[in-house]
């Protein structure tokens, strides 16, 4: 079970590194920073799972906070950015 846990977190870290390094992923500074934090949290989870498998819950807390930060950012992009863009367009039309 520990091997599955470690390999899953290493795959998440690899995907985060790929997204940060790829120029076509337009995440912006906050998105790149969030992905880097998620990558380090994932590597920490894998290391804790390898060294001390009984204390995985500590590293999972850091991973959960990083994933929640990315989820909040994605929600803001989907929910608030179109409203802000619409308001800016309306203001430009008035000028």
C-alpha atoms as a PDB file:
ATOM      1  CA  UNK A   1       0.000   0.000   0.000  1.00  0.00           C
ATOM      2  CA  UNK A   2       2.882   2.350   0.745  1.00  0.00           C
ATOM      3  CA  UNK A   3       4.349   1.782  -2.729  1.00  0.00           C
ATOM      4  CA  UNK A   4       1.073   2.874  -4.343  1.00  0.00           C
ATOM      5  CA  UNK A   5       0.999   5.974  -2.124  1.00  0.00           C
ATOM      6  CA  UNK A   6       4.593   6.895  -2.989  1.00  0.00           C
ATOM      7  CA  UNK A   7       4.187   6.295  -6.719  1.00  0.00           C
ATOM      8  CA  UNK A   8       0.962   8.321  -6.844  1.00  0.00           C
ATOM      9  CA  UNK A   9       2.627  11.295  -5.197  1.00  0.00           C
ATOM     10  CA  UNK A  10       5.657  11.043  -7.454  1.00  0.00           C
ATOM     11  CA  UNK A  11       3.345  11.061 -10.480  1.00  0.00           C
ATOM     12  CA  UNK A  12       1.636  14.183  -9.125  1.00  0.00           C
ATOM     13  CA  UNK A  13       5.046  15.825  -8.645  1.00  0.00           C
ATOM     14  CA  UNK A  14       6.028  14.885 -12.203  1.00  0.00           C
ATOM     15  CA  UNK A  15       2.804  16.348 -13.602  1.00  0.00           C
ATOM     16  CA  UNK A  16       3.333  19.581 -11.645  1.00  0.00           C
ATOM     17  CA  UNK A  17       6.910  19.888 -12.921  1.00  0.00           C
ATOM     18  CA  UNK A  18       5.692  19.302 -16.463  1.00  0.00           C
ATOM     19  CA  UNK A  19       3.032  22.016 -16.122  1.00  0.00           C
ATOM     20  CA  UNK A  20       5.507  24.517 -14.641  1.00  0.00           C
ATOM     21  CA  UNK A  21       8.151  23.931 -17.319  1.00  0.00           C
ATOM     22  CA  UNK A  22       5.800  23.840 -20.307  1.00  0.00           C
ATOM     23  CA  UNK A  23       5.506  27.267 -21.967  1.00  0.00           C
ATOM     24  CA  UNK A  24       2.022  26.545 -23.354  1.00  0.00           C
ATOM     25  CA  UNK A  25       0.494  26.271 -19.887  1.00  0.00           C
ATOM     26  CA  UNK A  26      -0.513  29.868 -19.201  1.00  0.00           C
ATOM     27  CA  UNK A  27      -0.921  29.766 -15.443  1.00  0.00           C
ATOM     28  CA  UNK A  28       0.619  33.076 -14.481  1.00  0.00           C
ATOM     29  CA  UNK A  29       2.869  33.718 -11.510  1.00  0.00           C
ATOM     30  CA  UNK A  30       0.384  32.620  -8.844  1.00  0.00           C
ATOM     31  CA  UNK A  31      -0.459  29.437 -10.727  1.00  0.00           C
ATOM     32  CA  UNK A  32       3.204  28.526 -11.245  1.00  0.00           C
ATOM     33  CA  UNK A  33       3.913  29.184  -7.554  1.00  0.00           C
ATOM     34  CA  UNK A  34       0.927  27.031  -6.540  1.00  0.00           C
ATOM     35  CA  UNK A  35       2.109  24.213  -8.774  1.00  0.00           C
ATOM     36  CA  UNK A  36       5.617  24.401  -7.319  1.00  0.00           C
ATOM     37  CA  UNK A  37       4.207  24.242  -3.774  1.00  0.00           C
ATOM     38  CA  UNK A  38       2.056  21.271  -4.761  1.00  0.00           C
ATOM     39  CA  UNK A  39       5.116  19.598  -6.307  1.00  0.00           C
ATOM     40  CA  UNK A  40       7.179  20.028  -3.138  1.00  0.00           C
ATOM     41  CA  UNK A  41       4.273  18.869  -0.973  1.00  0.00           C
ATOM     42  CA  UNK A  42       3.899  15.780  -3.119  1.00  0.00           C
ATOM     43  CA  UNK A  43       7.613  14.999  -2.876  1.00  0.00           C
ATOM     44  CA  UNK A  44       7.407  15.491   0.899  1.00  0.00           C
ATOM     45  CA  UNK A  45       4.494  13.054   1.085  1.00  0.00           C
ATOM     46  CA  UNK A  46       6.447  10.472  -0.893  1.00  0.00           C
ATOM     47  CA  UNK A  47       9.509  10.935   1.324  1.00  0.00           C
ATOM     48  CA  UNK A  48       7.513  10.666   4.543  1.00  0.00           C
ATOM     49  CA  UNK A  49       5.775   7.580   3.180  1.00  0.00           C
ATOM     50  CA  UNK A  50       9.137   5.987   2.413  1.00  0.00           C
ATOM     51  CA  UNK A  51      10.939   6.926   5.655  1.00  0.00           C
ATOM     52  CA  UNK A  52       8.152   6.885   8.233  1.00  0.00           C
ATOM     53  CA  UNK A  53       4.985   5.293   6.817  1.00  0.00           C
ATOM     54  CA  UNK A  54       3.099   5.661  10.106  1.00  0.00           C
ATOM     55  CA  UNK A  55       3.387   9.481  10.060  1.00  0.00           C
ATOM     56  CA  UNK A  56       1.935  10.079   6.611  1.00  0.00           C
ATOM     57  CA  UNK A  57      -0.864  12.251   8.019  1.00  0.00           C
ATOM     58  CA  UNK A  58       1.555  15.150   8.714  1.00  0.00           C
ATOM     59  CA  UNK A  59       2.726  15.406   5.131  1.00  0.00           C
ATOM     60  CA  UNK A  60      -0.794  14.888   3.842  1.00  0.00           C
ATOM     61  CA  UNK A  61      -1.834  18.077   5.661  1.00  0.00           C
ATOM     62  CA  UNK A  62       0.673  20.116   3.641  1.00  0.00           C
ATOM     63  CA  UNK A  63      -0.482  18.397   0.459  1.00  0.00           C
ATOM     64  CA  UNK A  64      -4.142  19.083   1.263  1.00  0.00           C
ATOM     65  CA  UNK A  65      -3.423  22.782   1.875  1.00  0.00           C
ATOM     66  CA  UNK A  66      -1.544  23.041  -1.438  1.00  0.00           C
ATOM     67  CA  UNK A  67      -4.336  21.272  -3.323  1.00  0.00           C
ATOM     68  CA  UNK A  68      -6.939  23.498  -1.655  1.00  0.00           C
ATOM     69  CA  UNK A  69      -4.969  26.567  -2.751  1.00  0.00           C
ATOM     70  CA  UNK A  70      -5.034  25.377  -6.351  1.00  0.00           C
ATOM     71  CA  UNK A  71      -8.740  24.588  -6.089  1.00  0.00           C
ATOM     72  CA  UNK A  72      -9.494  28.082  -4.747  1.00  0.00           C
ATOM     73  CA  UNK A  73      -7.483  29.613  -7.571  1.00  0.00           C
ATOM     74  CA  UNK A  74      -9.316  27.539 -10.179  1.00  0.00           C
ATOM     75  CA  UNK A  75     -12.655  28.555  -8.667  1.00  0.00           C
ATOM     76  CA  UNK A  76     -11.645  32.226  -8.801  1.00  0.00           C
ATOM     77  CA  UNK A  77     -10.627  31.908 -12.459  1.00  0.00           C
ATOM     78  CA  UNK A  78     -13.898  30.209 -13.423  1.00  0.00           C
ATOM     79  CA  UNK A  79     -16.272  32.264 -11.267  1.00  0.00           C
ATOM     80  CA  UNK A  80     -14.847  35.758 -10.797  1.00  0.00           C
ATOM     81  CA  UNK A  81     -12.704  36.442 -13.833  1.00  0.00           C
ATOM     82  CA  UNK A  82     -15.600  36.460 -16.382  1.00  0.00           C
ATOM     83  CA  UNK A  83     -17.539  38.905 -14.186  1.00  0.00           C
ATOM     84  CA  UNK A  84     -14.519  41.176 -13.898  1.00  0.00           C
ATOM     85  CA  UNK A  85     -13.901  40.995 -17.653  1.00  0.00           C
ATOM     86  CA  UNK A  86     -17.555  41.863 -18.331  1.00  0.00           C
ATOM     87  CA  UNK A  87     -17.379  44.910 -16.032  1.00  0.00           C
ATOM     88  CA  UNK A  88     -14.204  46.141 -17.721  1.00  0.00           C
ATOM     89  CA  UNK A  89     -15.835  45.827 -21.153  1.00  0.00           C
ATOM     90  CA  UNK A  90     -18.874  47.767 -20.006  1.00  0.00           C
ATOM     91  CA  UNK A  91     -16.693  50.532 -18.591  1.00  0.00           C
ATOM     92  CA  UNK A  92     -14.756  50.784 -21.874  1.00  0.00           C
ATOM     93  CA  UNK A  93     -17.999  51.106 -23.841  1.00  0.00           C
ATOM     94  CA  UNK A  94     -19.052  54.049 -21.689  1.00  0.00           C
ATOM     95  CA  UNK A  95     -15.864  55.994 -22.451  1.00  0.00           C
END
